[in-house]
């Protein structure tokens, strides 16, 4: 799967979006994350794996605990994809504005 497809597939699940939002401010342990969502701890681990595989999270060990944090580089593929649409929208807006200005000149 392409990087953008993996990110979009990972973010399609509301629990994964919730997890990503939880670790946005600071790295959290699996236990801390599990306490903030309404799924079992094994399910949290599965969701974390999907987010990590999609490049949205990265894991590091501190002692016996795994801590997860947002992988900002992983978000860049999604940002580029969305911004490409924005460029199209701005281009269409510009063309419409030019067309409107030319129409007003004719009248």
N, C-alpha and C. Protein backbone atom coordinates (compact mmCIF):
# COMPACT_ATOMS: atom_id res chain seq x y z
N UNK A 1 0.85 -1.18 0.00
CA UNK A 1 0.00 0.00 0.00
C UNK A 1 0.89 1.24 0.00
N UNK A 2 0.49 2.24 -0.75
CA UNK A 2 1.26 3.48 -0.80
C UNK A 2 1.19 4.19 0.56
N UNK A 3 2.15 5.08 0.85
CA UNK A 3 2.18 5.73 2.17
C UNK A 3 0.89 6.50 2.50
N UNK A 4 0.34 7.21 1.54
CA UNK A 4 -0.88 7.97 1.80
C UNK A 4 -2.04 7.01 2.06
N UNK A 5 -2.11 5.93 1.30
CA UNK A 5 -3.16 4.93 1.51
C UNK A 5 -3.08 4.31 2.89
N UNK A 6 -1.87 4.03 3.34
CA UNK A 6 -1.69 3.45 4.68
C UNK A 6 -2.12 4.43 5.76
N UNK A 7 -1.80 5.70 5.58
CA UNK A 7 -2.19 6.73 6.55
C UNK A 7 -3.71 6.88 6.57
N UNK A 8 -4.31 6.98 5.39
CA UNK A 8 -5.77 7.13 5.34
C UNK A 8 -6.49 5.91 5.91
N UNK A 9 -5.97 4.73 5.62
CA UNK A 9 -6.58 3.51 6.18
C UNK A 9 -6.45 3.49 7.70
N UNK A 10 -5.30 3.90 8.21
CA UNK A 10 -5.10 3.92 9.66
C UNK A 10 -6.04 4.93 10.31
N UNK A 11 -6.21 6.08 9.69
CA UNK A 11 -7.04 7.13 10.27
C UNK A 11 -8.54 6.92 10.04
N UNK A 12 -8.89 5.91 9.27
CA UNK A 12 -10.31 5.63 9.03
C UNK A 12 -11.00 5.14 10.30
N UNK A 13 -10.24 4.61 11.22
CA UNK A 13 -10.81 4.09 12.47
C UNK A 13 -10.85 5.19 13.53
N UNK A 14 -12.02 5.45 14.13
CA UNK A 14 -12.12 6.52 15.13
C UNK A 14 -11.27 6.29 16.38
N UNK A 15 -11.08 5.05 16.77
CA UNK A 15 -10.24 4.77 17.94
C UNK A 15 -8.79 5.14 17.65
N UNK A 16 -8.32 4.85 16.45
CA UNK A 16 -6.95 5.21 16.09
C UNK A 16 -6.78 6.72 16.03
N UNK A 17 -7.78 7.43 15.51
CA UNK A 17 -7.71 8.89 15.51
C UNK A 17 -7.65 9.42 16.94
N UNK A 18 -8.43 8.81 17.81
CA UNK A 18 -8.45 9.22 19.22
C UNK A 18 -7.07 8.98 19.86
N UNK A 19 -6.48 7.85 19.57
CA UNK A 19 -5.14 7.55 20.10
C UNK A 19 -4.12 8.56 19.59
N UNK A 20 -4.17 8.85 18.31
CA UNK A 20 -3.24 9.82 17.72
C UNK A 20 -3.40 11.19 18.39
N UNK A 21 -4.63 11.58 18.65
CA UNK A 21 -4.88 12.86 19.33
C UNK A 21 -4.35 12.83 20.76
N UNK A 22 -4.43 11.70 21.44
CA UNK A 22 -3.95 11.59 22.82
C UNK A 22 -2.43 11.78 22.90
N UNK A 23 -1.70 11.23 21.95
CA UNK A 23 -0.24 11.31 22.02
C UNK A 23 0.30 12.56 21.32
N UNK A 24 -0.59 13.37 20.83
CA UNK A 24 -0.20 14.59 20.12
C UNK A 24 0.60 15.54 21.00
N UNK A 25 0.20 15.70 22.23
CA UNK A 25 0.84 16.66 23.13
C UNK A 25 2.12 16.13 23.76
N UNK A 26 2.14 14.82 24.04
CA UNK A 26 3.31 14.24 24.71
C UNK A 26 3.32 12.74 24.52
N UNK A 27 4.50 12.13 24.57
CA UNK A 27 4.57 10.67 24.49
C UNK A 27 3.83 10.04 25.67
N UNK A 28 3.13 8.95 25.39
CA UNK A 28 2.39 8.24 26.43
C UNK A 28 2.71 6.76 26.37
N UNK A 29 2.65 6.12 27.53
CA UNK A 29 2.84 4.67 27.58
C UNK A 29 1.57 3.98 27.09
N UNK A 30 1.70 2.71 26.78
CA UNK A 30 0.55 1.93 26.34
C UNK A 30 -0.53 1.97 27.43
N UNK A 31 -0.14 1.83 28.68
CA UNK A 31 -1.10 1.86 29.78
C UNK A 31 -1.84 3.19 29.87
N UNK A 32 -1.10 4.29 29.71
CA UNK A 32 -1.73 5.61 29.74
C UNK A 32 -2.72 5.77 28.60
N UNK A 33 -2.35 5.29 27.43
CA UNK A 33 -3.24 5.37 26.27
C UNK A 33 -4.48 4.51 26.51
N UNK A 34 -4.27 3.30 27.02
CA UNK A 34 -5.39 2.37 27.23
C UNK A 34 -6.42 2.93 28.21
N UNK A 35 -5.96 3.72 29.17
CA UNK A 35 -6.89 4.30 30.14
C UNK A 35 -7.77 5.39 29.53
N UNK A 36 -7.41 5.89 28.36
CA UNK A 36 -8.15 7.01 27.77
C UNK A 36 -9.09 6.60 26.64
N UNK A 37 -9.09 5.32 26.27
CA UNK A 37 -9.96 4.87 25.19
C UNK A 37 -10.84 3.73 25.70
N UNK A 38 -11.91 3.45 24.96
CA UNK A 38 -12.90 2.47 25.44
C UNK A 38 -12.74 1.10 24.80
N UNK A 39 -11.49 0.71 24.54
CA UNK A 39 -11.22 -0.64 24.03
C UNK A 39 -10.23 -1.32 24.95
N UNK A 40 -10.10 -2.63 24.82
CA UNK A 40 -9.21 -3.39 25.69
C UNK A 40 -7.75 -3.03 25.42
N UNK A 41 -6.90 -3.36 26.37
CA UNK A 41 -5.48 -3.09 26.20
C UNK A 41 -4.89 -3.85 25.00
N UNK A 42 -5.26 -5.13 24.78
CA UNK A 42 -4.76 -5.79 23.57
C UNK A 42 -5.22 -5.09 22.29
N UNK A 43 -6.45 -4.56 22.29
CA UNK A 43 -6.94 -3.83 21.12
C UNK A 43 -6.14 -2.54 20.93
N UNK A 44 -5.79 -1.88 22.04
CA UNK A 44 -4.97 -0.67 21.95
C UNK A 44 -3.63 -1.02 21.31
N UNK A 45 -3.04 -2.12 21.72
CA UNK A 45 -1.76 -2.53 21.14
C UNK A 45 -1.88 -2.77 19.64
N UNK A 46 -2.98 -3.36 19.21
CA UNK A 46 -3.19 -3.58 17.77
C UNK A 46 -3.34 -2.25 17.04
N UNK A 47 -4.09 -1.33 17.63
CA UNK A 47 -4.25 -0.01 17.01
C UNK A 47 -2.91 0.72 16.93
N UNK A 48 -2.12 0.62 17.99
CA UNK A 48 -0.80 1.25 17.99
C UNK A 48 0.08 0.68 16.88
N UNK A 49 0.00 -0.61 16.68
CA UNK A 49 0.79 -1.26 15.62
C UNK A 49 0.40 -0.71 14.25
N UNK A 50 -0.90 -0.57 14.00
CA UNK A 50 -1.38 -0.04 12.72
C UNK A 50 -0.88 1.39 12.52
N UNK A 51 -0.99 2.21 13.57
CA UNK A 51 -0.53 3.60 13.48
C UNK A 51 0.98 3.68 13.26
N UNK A 52 1.70 2.79 13.92
CA UNK A 52 3.16 2.76 13.75
C UNK A 52 3.53 2.29 12.35
N UNK A 53 2.88 1.24 11.87
CA UNK A 53 3.15 0.74 10.52
C UNK A 53 2.82 1.77 9.44
N UNK A 54 1.83 2.63 9.71
CA UNK A 54 1.46 3.67 8.75
C UNK A 54 2.40 4.87 8.82
N UNK A 55 3.31 4.86 9.81
CA UNK A 55 4.26 5.95 9.94
C UNK A 55 3.73 7.14 10.72
N UNK A 56 2.63 6.95 11.44
CA UNK A 56 2.04 8.05 12.19
C UNK A 56 2.55 8.13 13.64
N UNK A 57 3.01 7.01 14.17
CA UNK A 57 3.56 6.96 15.53
C UNK A 57 4.92 6.29 15.50
N UNK A 58 5.69 6.62 16.50
CA UNK A 58 6.93 5.86 16.71
C UNK A 58 7.00 5.50 18.19
N UNK A 59 7.66 4.41 18.43
CA UNK A 59 7.73 3.84 19.77
C UNK A 59 9.17 3.89 20.26
N UNK A 60 9.32 4.18 21.55
CA UNK A 60 10.63 4.05 22.17
C UNK A 60 10.44 3.49 23.58
N UNK A 61 11.43 2.74 24.00
CA UNK A 61 11.37 2.08 25.31
C UNK A 61 12.01 2.96 26.36
N UNK A 62 11.37 3.00 27.52
CA UNK A 62 11.95 3.61 28.72
C UNK A 62 11.76 2.59 29.82
N UNK A 63 12.83 1.96 30.18
CA UNK A 63 12.73 0.88 31.16
C UNK A 63 11.93 -0.27 30.58
N UNK A 64 10.90 -0.68 31.31
CA UNK A 64 10.05 -1.78 30.84
C UNK A 64 8.86 -1.30 30.01
N UNK A 65 8.72 0.00 29.84
CA UNK A 65 7.53 0.55 29.19
C UNK A 65 7.83 1.06 27.79
N UNK A 66 6.85 0.86 26.91
CA UNK A 66 6.90 1.43 25.57
C UNK A 66 6.13 2.74 25.58
N UNK A 67 6.74 3.78 25.03
CA UNK A 67 6.10 5.08 24.91
C UNK A 67 5.91 5.38 23.43
N UNK A 68 4.74 5.93 23.13
CA UNK A 68 4.41 6.27 21.75
C UNK A 68 4.28 7.76 21.61
N UNK A 69 4.77 8.26 20.48
CA UNK A 69 4.66 9.67 20.16
C UNK A 69 4.38 9.83 18.67
N UNK A 70 3.86 10.99 18.31
CA UNK A 70 3.56 11.26 16.91
C UNK A 70 4.85 11.30 16.12
N UNK A 71 4.84 10.67 14.97
CA UNK A 71 5.95 10.73 14.04
C UNK A 71 5.60 11.82 13.02
N UNK A 72 6.14 12.99 13.22
CA UNK A 72 5.79 14.15 12.38
C UNK A 72 6.15 13.92 10.92
N UNK A 73 7.20 13.19 10.67
CA UNK A 73 7.57 12.89 9.28
C UNK A 73 6.51 12.03 8.62
N UNK A 74 5.90 11.14 9.39
CA UNK A 74 4.85 10.29 8.85
C UNK A 74 3.64 11.07 8.41
N UNK A 75 3.41 12.20 9.04
CA UNK A 75 2.28 13.04 8.67
C UNK A 75 2.54 13.84 7.39
N UNK A 76 3.80 13.95 6.99
CA UNK A 76 4.13 14.77 5.83
C UNK A 76 3.53 14.23 4.54
N UNK A 77 3.44 12.92 4.39
CA UNK A 77 2.84 12.35 3.18
C UNK A 77 1.37 12.74 3.07
N UNK A 78 0.67 12.68 4.19
CA UNK A 78 -0.74 13.07 4.20
C UNK A 78 -0.88 14.56 3.93
N UNK A 79 -0.04 15.34 4.53
CA UNK A 79 -0.11 16.79 4.32
C UNK A 79 0.13 17.15 2.86
N UNK A 80 1.12 16.55 2.24
CA UNK A 80 1.40 16.81 0.83
C UNK A 80 0.21 16.42 -0.04
N UNK A 81 -0.39 15.30 0.27
CA UNK A 81 -1.55 14.83 -0.49
C UNK A 81 -2.71 15.82 -0.39
N UNK A 82 -3.01 16.25 0.82
CA UNK A 82 -4.12 17.19 1.03
C UNK A 82 -3.79 18.54 0.41
N UNK A 83 -2.56 18.99 0.55
CA UNK A 83 -2.18 20.27 -0.03
C UNK A 83 -2.27 20.27 -1.55
N UNK A 84 -2.09 19.12 -2.17
CA UNK A 84 -2.22 19.07 -3.63
C UNK A 84 -3.65 19.40 -4.05
N UNK A 85 -4.63 19.00 -3.24
CA UNK A 85 -6.01 19.38 -3.52
C UNK A 85 -6.20 20.87 -3.31
N UNK A 86 -5.59 21.40 -2.26
CA UNK A 86 -5.70 22.82 -1.97
C UNK A 86 -5.15 23.64 -3.13
N UNK A 87 -4.04 23.22 -3.72
CA UNK A 87 -3.48 23.91 -4.89
C UNK A 87 -4.50 23.92 -6.02
N UNK A 88 -5.19 22.80 -6.24
CA UNK A 88 -6.22 22.73 -7.27
C UNK A 88 -7.36 23.70 -6.97
N UNK A 89 -7.76 23.77 -5.72
CA UNK A 89 -8.86 24.66 -5.31
C UNK A 89 -8.45 26.12 -5.53
N UNK A 90 -7.24 26.46 -5.12
CA UNK A 90 -6.78 27.84 -5.31
C UNK A 90 -6.68 28.19 -6.80
N UNK A 91 -6.22 27.25 -7.59
CA UNK A 91 -6.14 27.47 -9.03
C UNK A 91 -7.51 27.70 -9.63
N UNK A 92 -8.48 26.91 -9.22
CA UNK A 92 -9.86 27.07 -9.71
C UNK A 92 -10.44 28.40 -9.24
N UNK A 93 -10.16 28.80 -8.01
CA UNK A 93 -10.64 30.08 -7.49
C UNK A 93 -10.04 31.22 -8.30
N UNK A 94 -8.76 31.14 -8.56
CA UNK A 94 -8.09 32.18 -9.34
C UNK A 94 -8.72 32.28 -10.73
N UNK A 95 -8.91 31.15 -11.39
CA UNK A 95 -9.50 31.15 -12.73
C UNK A 95 -10.91 31.75 -12.71
N UNK A 96 -11.70 31.41 -11.69
CA UNK A 96 -13.05 31.96 -11.57
C UNK A 96 -13.01 33.46 -11.33
N UNK A 97 -12.07 33.93 -10.52
CA UNK A 97 -11.94 35.37 -10.25
C UNK A 97 -11.55 36.12 -11.51
N UNK A 98 -10.63 35.58 -12.28
CA UNK A 98 -10.21 36.22 -13.53
C UNK A 98 -11.39 36.25 -14.51
N UNK A 99 -12.09 35.15 -14.61
CA UNK A 99 -13.25 35.08 -15.51
C UNK A 99 -14.32 36.10 -15.10
N UNK A 100 -14.56 36.22 -13.82
CA UNK A 100 -15.56 37.18 -13.30
C UNK A 100 -15.12 38.61 -13.60
N UNK A 101 -13.85 38.90 -13.41
CA UNK A 101 -13.33 40.24 -13.69
C UNK A 101 -13.46 40.57 -15.18
N UNK A 102 -13.17 39.62 -16.03
CA UNK A 102 -13.30 39.84 -17.48
C UNK A 102 -14.77 40.00 -17.88
N UNK A 103 -15.65 39.27 -17.24
CA UNK A 103 -17.08 39.39 -17.54
C UNK A 103 -17.58 40.78 -17.15
N UNK A 104 -17.12 41.30 -16.01
CA UNK A 104 -17.54 42.62 -15.57
C UNK A 104 -17.02 43.71 -16.50
N UNK A 105 -15.82 43.52 -17.04
CA UNK A 105 -15.26 44.50 -17.99
C UNK A 105 -16.11 44.59 -19.25
N UNK A 106 -16.65 43.47 -19.69
CA UNK A 106 -17.45 43.42 -20.92
C UNK A 106 -18.80 44.07 -20.73
N UNK A 107 -19.29 44.15 -19.52
CA UNK A 107 -20.64 44.70 -19.29
C UNK A 107 -20.55 46.10 -18.85
